[in-house]
Amino acid sequence: MTEASFIKPPNRLASRVGKGMSRPTALARADENLDSIREDILAYIDRGLAEMEAIFAQCAGASNPALATLYDPSNAIAGTAGTIGLVPLGKAAYNLCELLDGGELSGAYNLPAIKLHLDGMRLLRRFSSPEQDGDADLVLQNLAKLITHVNHERSGPFD
């Protein structure tokens, strides 16, 4: 009878990272790296919020095609906010993207809903401590209710 032998290929990632690094050590280093760029990420988010507010201020009508340009900065915020612990802000930005998608598909944007999302995002940007998690959840719940209402308005009661 033949005996099975196992070949273990070298792990290139492990050799690059270094042997002996524990998971807690790796996570601590990652947190240190994020802390070193936290201010840059916050500035990036703030520029995105300011850009969206400026675009919105120039849009008078619900069918203004410039409203579609709110999507890119909102998507960028959705993708970066969570990396520095602003998960509720990222969720609100994602919801705004969903709202903008619906407006583009229907041909008319809901300006009050967009304004409320922008205001909510500005508020969520200021939440940074765990004590404010309840407030952030409340803001997100109300924005979710707003999206449900807007989607119901778009589809009509018999769709």
N, C-alpha and C. Protein backbone atom coordinates (compact mmCIF):
# COMPACT_ATOMS: atom_id res chain seq x y z
N MET A 1 0.84 -1.18 0.00
CA MET A 1 0.00 0.00 0.00
C MET A 1 0.88 1.24 0.00
N THR A 2 0.49 2.24 -0.78
CA THR A 2 1.28 3.46 -0.85
C THR A 2 0.82 4.44 0.21
N GLU A 3 1.76 5.20 0.62
CA GLU A 3 1.47 6.18 1.66
C GLU A 3 1.29 7.56 1.01
N ALA A 4 0.26 8.29 1.47
CA ALA A 4 -0.01 9.62 0.94
C ALA A 4 0.99 10.61 1.52
N SER A 5 1.46 11.47 0.67
CA SER A 5 2.34 12.53 1.15
C SER A 5 1.72 13.87 0.75
N PHE A 6 1.86 14.82 1.58
CA PHE A 6 1.28 16.14 1.35
C PHE A 6 2.38 17.14 1.09
N ILE A 7 2.16 17.95 0.09
CA ILE A 7 3.12 18.99 -0.25
C ILE A 7 2.49 20.32 0.15
N LYS A 8 3.17 21.05 0.96
CA LYS A 8 2.66 22.35 1.40
C LYS A 8 3.43 23.44 0.65
N PRO A 9 2.75 24.13 -0.28
CA PRO A 9 3.45 25.19 -1.02
C PRO A 9 3.77 26.37 -0.10
N PRO A 10 4.81 27.08 -0.42
CA PRO A 10 5.16 28.23 0.42
C PRO A 10 4.09 29.33 0.32
N ASN A 11 3.84 29.96 1.42
CA ASN A 11 2.87 31.05 1.49
C ASN A 11 3.63 32.35 1.26
N ARG A 12 3.48 32.91 0.06
CA ARG A 12 4.24 34.12 -0.28
C ARG A 12 3.82 35.31 0.57
N LEU A 13 2.53 35.40 0.89
CA LEU A 13 2.06 36.52 1.71
C LEU A 13 2.68 36.46 3.10
N ALA A 14 2.70 35.27 3.68
CA ALA A 14 3.27 35.11 5.02
C ALA A 14 4.75 35.49 5.02
N SER A 15 5.45 35.16 3.95
CA SER A 15 6.88 35.50 3.92
C SER A 15 7.10 37.00 3.78
N ARG A 16 6.16 37.69 3.14
CA ARG A 16 6.30 39.15 3.00
C ARG A 16 5.90 39.89 4.27
N VAL A 17 4.89 39.38 4.94
CA VAL A 17 4.41 40.04 6.15
C VAL A 17 5.40 39.84 7.29
N GLY A 18 5.99 38.71 7.33
CA GLY A 18 6.93 38.41 8.40
C GLY A 18 6.37 37.33 9.30
N LYS A 19 7.24 36.48 9.70
CA LYS A 19 6.80 35.38 10.55
C LYS A 19 6.65 35.87 11.98
N GLY A 20 5.70 35.26 12.65
CA GLY A 20 5.52 35.56 14.05
C GLY A 20 4.59 36.72 14.35
N MET A 21 4.01 37.38 13.34
CA MET A 21 3.11 38.48 13.62
C MET A 21 1.74 37.89 13.98
N SER A 22 1.27 38.22 15.14
CA SER A 22 -0.03 37.72 15.58
C SER A 22 -1.14 38.58 15.01
N ARG A 23 -2.32 38.04 15.05
CA ARG A 23 -3.48 38.77 14.55
C ARG A 23 -3.67 40.10 15.30
N PRO A 24 -3.63 40.10 16.63
CA PRO A 24 -3.77 41.38 17.34
C PRO A 24 -2.70 42.40 16.97
N THR A 25 -1.49 41.93 16.73
CA THR A 25 -0.42 42.84 16.33
C THR A 25 -0.71 43.42 14.95
N ALA A 26 -1.14 42.56 14.04
CA ALA A 26 -1.46 43.03 12.68
C ALA A 26 -2.61 44.04 12.72
N LEU A 27 -3.63 43.76 13.54
CA LEU A 27 -4.75 44.70 13.65
C LEU A 27 -4.32 46.02 14.28
N ALA A 28 -3.45 45.96 15.26
CA ALA A 28 -2.95 47.19 15.89
C ALA A 28 -2.17 48.03 14.88
N ARG A 29 -1.35 47.36 14.07
CA ARG A 29 -0.60 48.09 13.03
C ARG A 29 -1.54 48.72 12.01
N ALA A 30 -2.57 47.97 11.64
CA ALA A 30 -3.55 48.51 10.68
C ALA A 30 -4.25 49.72 11.26
N ASP A 31 -4.63 49.66 12.54
CA ASP A 31 -5.26 50.80 13.19
C ASP A 31 -4.32 52.01 13.23
N GLU A 32 -3.05 51.75 13.50
CA GLU A 32 -2.07 52.85 13.52
C GLU A 32 -1.96 53.49 12.13
N ASN A 33 -1.95 52.65 11.11
CA ASN A 33 -1.88 53.18 9.74
C ASN A 33 -3.11 54.00 9.41
N LEU A 34 -4.29 53.52 9.81
CA LEU A 34 -5.51 54.29 9.57
C LEU A 34 -5.51 55.59 10.35
N ASP A 35 -5.03 55.55 11.59
CA ASP A 35 -4.96 56.77 12.39
C ASP A 35 -4.07 57.81 11.72
N SER A 36 -3.02 57.34 11.05
CA SER A 36 -2.10 58.28 10.41
C SER A 36 -2.74 58.99 9.21
N ILE A 37 -3.78 58.41 8.64
CA ILE A 37 -4.44 59.05 7.48
C ILE A 37 -5.87 59.48 7.79
N ARG A 38 -6.28 59.36 9.05
CA ARG A 38 -7.65 59.70 9.45
C ARG A 38 -8.02 61.13 9.06
N GLU A 39 -7.16 62.07 9.35
CA GLU A 39 -7.46 63.48 9.04
C GLU A 39 -7.62 63.70 7.53
N ASP A 40 -6.80 63.00 6.74
CA ASP A 40 -6.92 63.11 5.29
C ASP A 40 -8.26 62.55 4.81
N ILE A 41 -8.69 61.45 5.41
CA ILE A 41 -9.97 60.85 5.03
C ILE A 41 -11.12 61.77 5.43
N LEU A 42 -11.04 62.35 6.63
CA LEU A 42 -12.07 63.29 7.07
C LEU A 42 -12.14 64.50 6.13
N ALA A 43 -11.00 65.00 5.72
CA ALA A 43 -10.97 66.14 4.79
C ALA A 43 -11.58 65.74 3.45
N TYR A 44 -11.30 64.54 2.99
CA TYR A 44 -11.87 64.01 1.74
C TYR A 44 -13.39 63.93 1.85
N ILE A 45 -13.88 63.43 2.97
CA ILE A 45 -15.32 63.33 3.19
C ILE A 45 -15.94 64.72 3.24
N ASP A 46 -15.31 65.63 3.96
CA ASP A 46 -15.82 67.00 4.06
C ASP A 46 -15.88 67.69 2.70
N ARG A 47 -14.85 67.46 1.86
CA ARG A 47 -14.88 68.03 0.50
C ARG A 47 -16.03 67.45 -0.31
N GLY A 48 -16.27 66.15 -0.15
CA GLY A 48 -17.39 65.51 -0.85
C GLY A 48 -18.72 66.08 -0.42
N LEU A 49 -18.89 66.27 0.89
CA LEU A 49 -20.14 66.85 1.39
C LEU A 49 -20.33 68.28 0.88
N ALA A 50 -19.26 69.06 0.91
CA ALA A 50 -19.34 70.44 0.42
C ALA A 50 -19.66 70.46 -1.08
N GLU A 51 -19.05 69.57 -1.83
CA GLU A 51 -19.32 69.48 -3.27
C GLU A 51 -20.79 69.15 -3.52
N MET A 52 -21.32 68.20 -2.78
CA MET A 52 -22.73 67.82 -2.96
C MET A 52 -23.66 68.96 -2.59
N GLU A 53 -23.36 69.66 -1.52
CA GLU A 53 -24.20 70.78 -1.12
C GLU A 53 -24.16 71.89 -2.17
N ALA A 54 -23.00 72.14 -2.75
CA ALA A 54 -22.88 73.17 -3.79
C ALA A 54 -23.66 72.76 -5.04
N ILE A 55 -23.57 71.51 -5.43
CA ILE A 55 -24.32 71.03 -6.60
C ILE A 55 -25.81 71.16 -6.34
N PHE A 56 -26.24 70.73 -5.17
CA PHE A 56 -27.67 70.77 -4.84
C PHE A 56 -28.18 72.20 -4.82
N ALA A 57 -27.39 73.13 -4.31
CA ALA A 57 -27.81 74.53 -4.23
C ALA A 57 -28.05 75.13 -5.62
N GLN A 58 -27.37 74.60 -6.63
CA GLN A 58 -27.51 75.14 -7.98
C GLN A 58 -28.64 74.48 -8.77
N CYS A 59 -29.24 73.44 -8.22
CA CYS A 59 -30.27 72.70 -8.94
C CYS A 59 -31.65 73.17 -8.51
N ALA A 60 -32.36 73.79 -9.43
CA ALA A 60 -33.67 74.35 -9.10
C ALA A 60 -34.80 73.36 -9.30
N GLY A 61 -34.72 72.52 -10.30
CA GLY A 61 -35.85 71.66 -10.62
C GLY A 61 -35.56 70.19 -10.38
N ALA A 62 -36.63 69.43 -10.17
CA ALA A 62 -36.50 68.01 -9.88
C ALA A 62 -36.02 67.21 -11.09
N SER A 63 -36.06 67.82 -12.26
CA SER A 63 -35.61 67.11 -13.46
C SER A 63 -34.23 67.60 -13.92
N ASN A 64 -33.56 68.37 -13.09
CA ASN A 64 -32.25 68.92 -13.43
C ASN A 64 -31.23 67.78 -13.55
N PRO A 65 -30.63 67.60 -14.72
CA PRO A 65 -29.67 66.50 -14.90
C PRO A 65 -28.42 66.64 -14.03
N ALA A 66 -28.13 67.82 -13.53
CA ALA A 66 -26.95 68.01 -12.67
C ALA A 66 -27.10 67.24 -11.36
N LEU A 67 -28.33 66.91 -10.97
CA LEU A 67 -28.53 66.15 -9.74
C LEU A 67 -27.86 64.78 -9.81
N ALA A 68 -27.72 64.24 -11.01
CA ALA A 68 -27.06 62.95 -11.17
C ALA A 68 -25.59 63.01 -10.75
N THR A 69 -25.00 64.20 -10.79
CA THR A 69 -23.59 64.34 -10.41
C THR A 69 -23.38 64.24 -8.91
N LEU A 70 -24.47 64.20 -8.13
CA LEU A 70 -24.35 63.98 -6.69
C LEU A 70 -23.91 62.54 -6.38
N TYR A 71 -24.13 61.66 -7.35
CA TYR A 71 -23.89 60.24 -7.12
C TYR A 71 -22.42 59.94 -6.81
N ASP A 72 -21.51 60.46 -7.61
CA ASP A 72 -20.08 60.11 -7.43
C ASP A 72 -19.53 60.51 -6.06
N PRO A 73 -19.74 61.75 -5.61
CA PRO A 73 -19.21 62.06 -4.27
C PRO A 73 -19.92 61.27 -3.16
N SER A 74 -21.21 61.00 -3.33
CA SER A 74 -21.92 60.21 -2.34
C SER A 74 -21.38 58.78 -2.30
N ASN A 75 -21.12 58.22 -3.47
CA ASN A 75 -20.56 56.88 -3.55
C ASN A 75 -19.16 56.83 -2.93
N ALA A 76 -18.38 57.88 -3.15
CA ALA A 76 -17.03 57.94 -2.56
C ALA A 76 -17.11 57.97 -1.03
N ILE A 77 -18.06 58.72 -0.50
CA ILE A 77 -18.23 58.78 0.95
C ILE A 77 -18.71 57.42 1.48
N ALA A 78 -19.62 56.80 0.75
CA ALA A 78 -20.12 55.48 1.15
C ALA A 78 -18.97 54.47 1.25
N GLY A 79 -18.00 54.61 0.38
CA GLY A 79 -16.88 53.67 0.35
C GLY A 79 -15.77 53.96 1.33
N THR A 80 -15.70 55.18 1.84
CA THR A 80 -14.56 55.53 2.71
C THR A 80 -14.94 55.77 4.16
N ALA A 81 -16.17 56.17 4.43
CA ALA A 81 -16.54 56.57 5.80
C ALA A 81 -16.35 55.45 6.81
N GLY A 82 -16.68 54.24 6.43
CA GLY A 82 -16.57 53.11 7.36
C GLY A 82 -15.15 52.79 7.76
N THR A 83 -14.19 53.14 6.93
CA THR A 83 -12.79 52.80 7.25
C THR A 83 -12.29 53.54 8.48
N ILE A 84 -12.92 54.66 8.81
CA ILE A 84 -12.49 55.41 9.99
C ILE A 84 -13.59 55.42 11.06
N GLY A 85 -14.50 54.47 10.98
CA GLY A 85 -15.51 54.32 12.02
C GLY A 85 -16.78 55.11 11.83
N LEU A 86 -16.95 55.77 10.71
CA LEU A 86 -18.17 56.53 10.45
C LEU A 86 -19.14 55.69 9.62
N VAL A 87 -19.44 54.50 10.12
CA VAL A 87 -20.30 53.56 9.41
C VAL A 87 -21.68 54.14 9.13
N PRO A 88 -22.33 54.82 10.10
CA PRO A 88 -23.65 55.39 9.79
C PRO A 88 -23.60 56.40 8.64
N LEU A 89 -22.55 57.19 8.57
CA LEU A 89 -22.40 58.13 7.47
C LEU A 89 -22.29 57.38 6.14
N GLY A 90 -21.53 56.32 6.13
CA GLY A 90 -21.40 55.50 4.92
C GLY A 90 -22.74 54.92 4.49
N LYS A 91 -23.54 54.47 5.46
CA LYS A 91 -24.86 53.93 5.15
C LYS A 91 -25.78 55.01 4.58
N ALA A 92 -25.74 56.19 5.17
CA ALA A 92 -26.57 57.29 4.67
C ALA A 92 -26.15 57.68 3.25
N ALA A 93 -24.86 57.69 2.99
CA ALA A 93 -24.37 58.02 1.65
C ALA A 93 -24.83 56.96 0.65
N TYR A 94 -24.78 55.70 1.06
CA TYR A 94 -25.26 54.62 0.19
C TYR A 94 -26.75 54.80 -0.10
N ASN A 95 -27.52 55.13 0.94
CA ASN A 95 -28.96 55.36 0.75
C ASN A 95 -29.22 56.53 -0.20
N LEU A 96 -28.39 57.56 -0.12
CA LEU A 96 -28.54 58.67 -1.06
C LEU A 96 -28.28 58.20 -2.48
N CYS A 97 -27.30 57.35 -2.66
CA CYS A 97 -27.04 56.79 -3.99
C CYS A 97 -28.27 56.03 -4.51
N GLU A 98 -28.91 55.28 -3.63
CA GLU A 98 -30.13 54.55 -4.02
C GLU A 98 -31.23 55.53 -4.40
N LEU A 99 -31.36 56.58 -3.65
CA LEU A 99 -32.37 57.61 -3.93
C LEU A 99 -32.08 58.28 -5.28
N LEU A 100 -30.82 58.57 -5.53
CA LEU A 100 -30.43 59.20 -6.80
C LEU A 100 -30.66 58.25 -7.98
N ASP A 101 -30.39 56.96 -7.77
CA ASP A 101 -30.67 55.97 -8.82
C ASP A 101 -32.15 55.98 -9.18
N GLY A 102 -32.99 56.00 -8.17
CA GLY A 102 -34.43 56.02 -8.40
C GLY A 102 -34.87 57.27 -9.14
N GLY A 103 -34.28 58.41 -8.79
CA GLY A 103 -34.60 59.66 -9.47
C GLY A 103 -34.19 59.64 -10.93
N GLU A 104 -33.02 59.05 -11.17
CA GLU A 104 -32.56 58.97 -12.56
C GLU A 104 -33.46 58.05 -13.38
N LEU A 105 -33.87 56.94 -12.79
CA LEU A 105 -34.73 56.00 -13.51
C LEU A 105 -36.12 56.58 -13.78
N SER A 106 -36.64 57.33 -12.82
CA SER A 106 -37.99 57.88 -12.98
C SER A 106 -38.00 59.19 -13.78
N GLY A 107 -36.84 59.82 -13.89
CA GLY A 107 -36.77 61.09 -14.62
C GLY A 107 -37.06 62.31 -13.76
N ALA A 108 -37.32 62.10 -12.49
CA ALA A 108 -37.58 63.23 -11.58
C ALA A 108 -37.02 62.88 -10.20
N TYR A 109 -36.22 63.77 -9.68
CA TYR A 109 -35.62 63.58 -8.37
C TYR A 109 -36.52 64.19 -7.30
N ASN A 110 -36.49 63.61 -6.13
CA ASN A 110 -37.26 64.13 -5.00
C ASN A 110 -36.34 65.07 -4.23
N LEU A 111 -36.48 66.37 -4.51
CA LEU A 111 -35.57 67.36 -3.93
C LEU A 111 -35.62 67.41 -2.41
N PRO A 112 -36.81 67.39 -1.79
CA PRO A 112 -36.81 67.40 -0.31
C PRO A 112 -36.11 66.18 0.29
N ALA A 113 -36.28 65.02 -0.33
CA ALA A 113 -35.63 63.81 0.18
C ALA A 113 -34.12 63.92 0.04
N ILE A 114 -33.66 64.45 -1.07
CA ILE A 114 -32.21 64.64 -1.26
C ILE A 114 -31.67 65.62 -0.23
N LYS A 115 -32.39 66.71 -0.01
CA LYS A 115 -31.96 67.71 0.97
C LYS A 115 -31.88 67.11 2.36
N LEU A 116 -32.89 66.31 2.73
CA LEU A 116 -32.87 65.67 4.05
C LEU A 116 -31.70 64.70 4.18
N HIS A 117 -31.37 64.00 3.11
CA HIS A 117 -30.22 63.10 3.16
C HIS A 117 -28.92 63.89 3.32
N LEU A 118 -28.79 64.97 2.59
CA LEU A 118 -27.58 65.79 2.73
C LEU A 118 -27.46 66.34 4.15
N ASP A 119 -28.58 66.81 4.71
CA ASP A 119 -28.56 67.31 6.09
C ASP A 119 -28.23 66.19 7.07
N GLY A 120 -28.82 65.02 6.85
CA GLY A 120 -28.53 63.87 7.71
C GLY A 120 -27.08 63.46 7.63
N MET A 121 -26.52 63.49 6.43
CA MET A 121 -25.11 63.13 6.28
C MET A 121 -24.21 64.14 6.99
N ARG A 122 -24.55 65.41 6.90
CA ARG A 122 -23.76 66.43 7.58
C ARG A 122 -23.81 66.20 9.09
N LEU A 123 -24.99 65.84 9.59
CA LEU A 123 -25.14 65.55 11.02
C LEU A 123 -24.34 64.30 11.41
N LEU A 124 -24.47 63.24 10.62
CA LEU A 124 -23.76 61.99 10.92
C LEU A 124 -22.25 62.16 10.86
N ARG A 125 -21.78 63.07 10.06
CA ARG A 125 -20.34 63.35 9.97
C ARG A 125 -19.81 63.85 11.31
N ARG A 126 -20.66 64.52 12.06
CA ARG A 126 -20.24 65.08 13.35
C ARG A 126 -20.29 64.04 14.47
N PHE A 127 -20.97 62.92 14.25
CA PHE A 127 -21.05 61.86 15.27
C PHE A 127 -19.77 61.05 15.22
N SER A 128 -19.07 61.01 16.34
CA SER A 128 -17.82 60.25 16.34
C SER A 128 -17.64 59.40 17.58
N SER A 129 -18.50 59.56 18.57
CA SER A 129 -18.31 58.79 19.80
C SER A 129 -19.37 57.70 19.91
N PRO A 130 -19.04 56.62 20.60
CA PRO A 130 -20.00 55.52 20.77
C PRO A 130 -21.29 55.95 21.48
N GLU A 131 -21.23 57.00 22.29
CA GLU A 131 -22.42 57.49 22.98
C GLU A 131 -23.46 58.02 21.99
N GLN A 132 -23.02 58.37 20.80
CA GLN A 132 -23.93 58.92 19.79
C GLN A 132 -24.49 57.86 18.85
N ASP A 133 -24.17 56.60 19.09
CA ASP A 133 -24.65 55.52 18.22
C ASP A 133 -26.17 55.47 18.17
N GLY A 134 -26.82 55.68 19.29
CA GLY A 134 -28.29 55.67 19.31
C GLY A 134 -28.87 56.78 18.45
N ASP A 135 -28.26 57.96 18.52
CA ASP A 135 -28.71 59.08 17.70
C ASP A 135 -28.48 58.78 16.22
N ALA A 136 -27.33 58.20 15.91
CA ALA A 136 -27.03 57.86 14.52
C ALA A 136 -28.02 56.83 13.99
N ASP A 137 -28.35 55.83 14.82
CA ASP A 137 -29.33 54.82 14.41
C ASP A 137 -30.68 55.46 14.15
N LEU A 138 -31.06 56.42 14.96
CA LEU A 138 -32.34 57.11 14.77
C LEU A 138 -32.35 57.88 13.46
N VAL A 139 -31.27 58.57 13.16
CA VAL A 139 -31.17 59.30 11.89
C VAL A 139 -31.29 58.32 10.72
N LEU A 140 -30.57 57.20 10.79
CA LEU A 140 -30.62 56.20 9.71
C LEU A 140 -32.02 55.59 9.57
N GLN A 141 -32.68 55.33 10.68
CA GLN A 141 -34.04 54.78 10.61
C GLN A 141 -34.99 55.74 9.91
N ASN A 142 -34.87 57.02 10.24
CA ASN A 142 -35.75 58.00 9.61
C ASN A 142 -35.42 58.20 8.13
N LEU A 143 -34.15 58.14 7.77
CA LEU A 143 -33.80 58.22 6.35
C LEU A 143 -34.31 56.99 5.60
N ALA A 144 -34.28 55.83 6.24
CA ALA A 144 -34.81 54.61 5.61
C ALA A 144 -36.32 54.72 5.41
N LYS A 145 -37.03 55.29 6.39
CA LYS A 145 -38.47 55.51 6.24
C LYS A 145 -38.75 56.45 5.07
N LEU A 146 -37.92 57.47 4.95
CA LEU A 146 -38.07 58.43 3.86
C LEU A 146 -37.90 57.74 2.51
N ILE A 147 -36.90 56.90 2.39
CA ILE A 147 -36.67 56.17 1.13
C ILE A 147 -37.86 55.27 0.82
N THR A 148 -38.38 54.59 1.83
CA THR A 148 -39.55 53.74 1.62
C THR A 148 -40.72 54.56 1.12
N HIS A 149 -40.93 55.72 1.71
CA HIS A 149 -42.02 56.61 1.29
C HIS A 149 -41.82 57.09 -0.15
N VAL A 150 -40.61 57.51 -0.47
CA VAL A 150 -40.33 58.00 -1.83
C VAL A 150 -40.51 56.88 -2.84
N ASN A 151 -40.03 55.69 -2.53
CA ASN A 151 -40.20 54.57 -3.46
C ASN A 151 -41.67 54.21 -3.64
N HIS A 152 -42.45 54.31 -2.58
CA HIS A 152 -43.88 54.03 -2.68
C HIS A 152 -44.56 55.09 -3.56
N GLU A 153 -44.15 56.35 -3.38
CA GLU A 153 -44.70 57.43 -4.22
C GLU A 153 -44.39 57.19 -5.69
N ARG A 154 -43.16 56.77 -5.96
CA ARG A 154 -42.74 56.54 -7.35
C ARG A 154 -43.52 55.40 -8.00
N SER A 155 -43.70 54.33 -7.25
CA SER A 155 -44.34 53.16 -7.86
C SER A 155 -45.85 53.32 -7.91
N GLY A 156 -46.41 54.15 -7.07
CA GLY A 156 -47.86 54.31 -7.05
C GLY A 156 -48.49 53.22 -6.21
N PRO A 157 -49.70 53.45 -5.75
CA PRO A 157 -50.34 52.51 -4.84
C PRO A 157 -50.76 51.19 -5.48
N PHE A 158 -50.84 51.12 -6.80
CA PHE A 158 -51.33 49.91 -7.45
C PHE A 158 -50.27 49.16 -8.24
N ASP A 159 -49.02 49.57 -8.11
CA ASP A 159 -47.94 48.86 -8.83
C ASP A 159 -47.46 47.68 -8.06
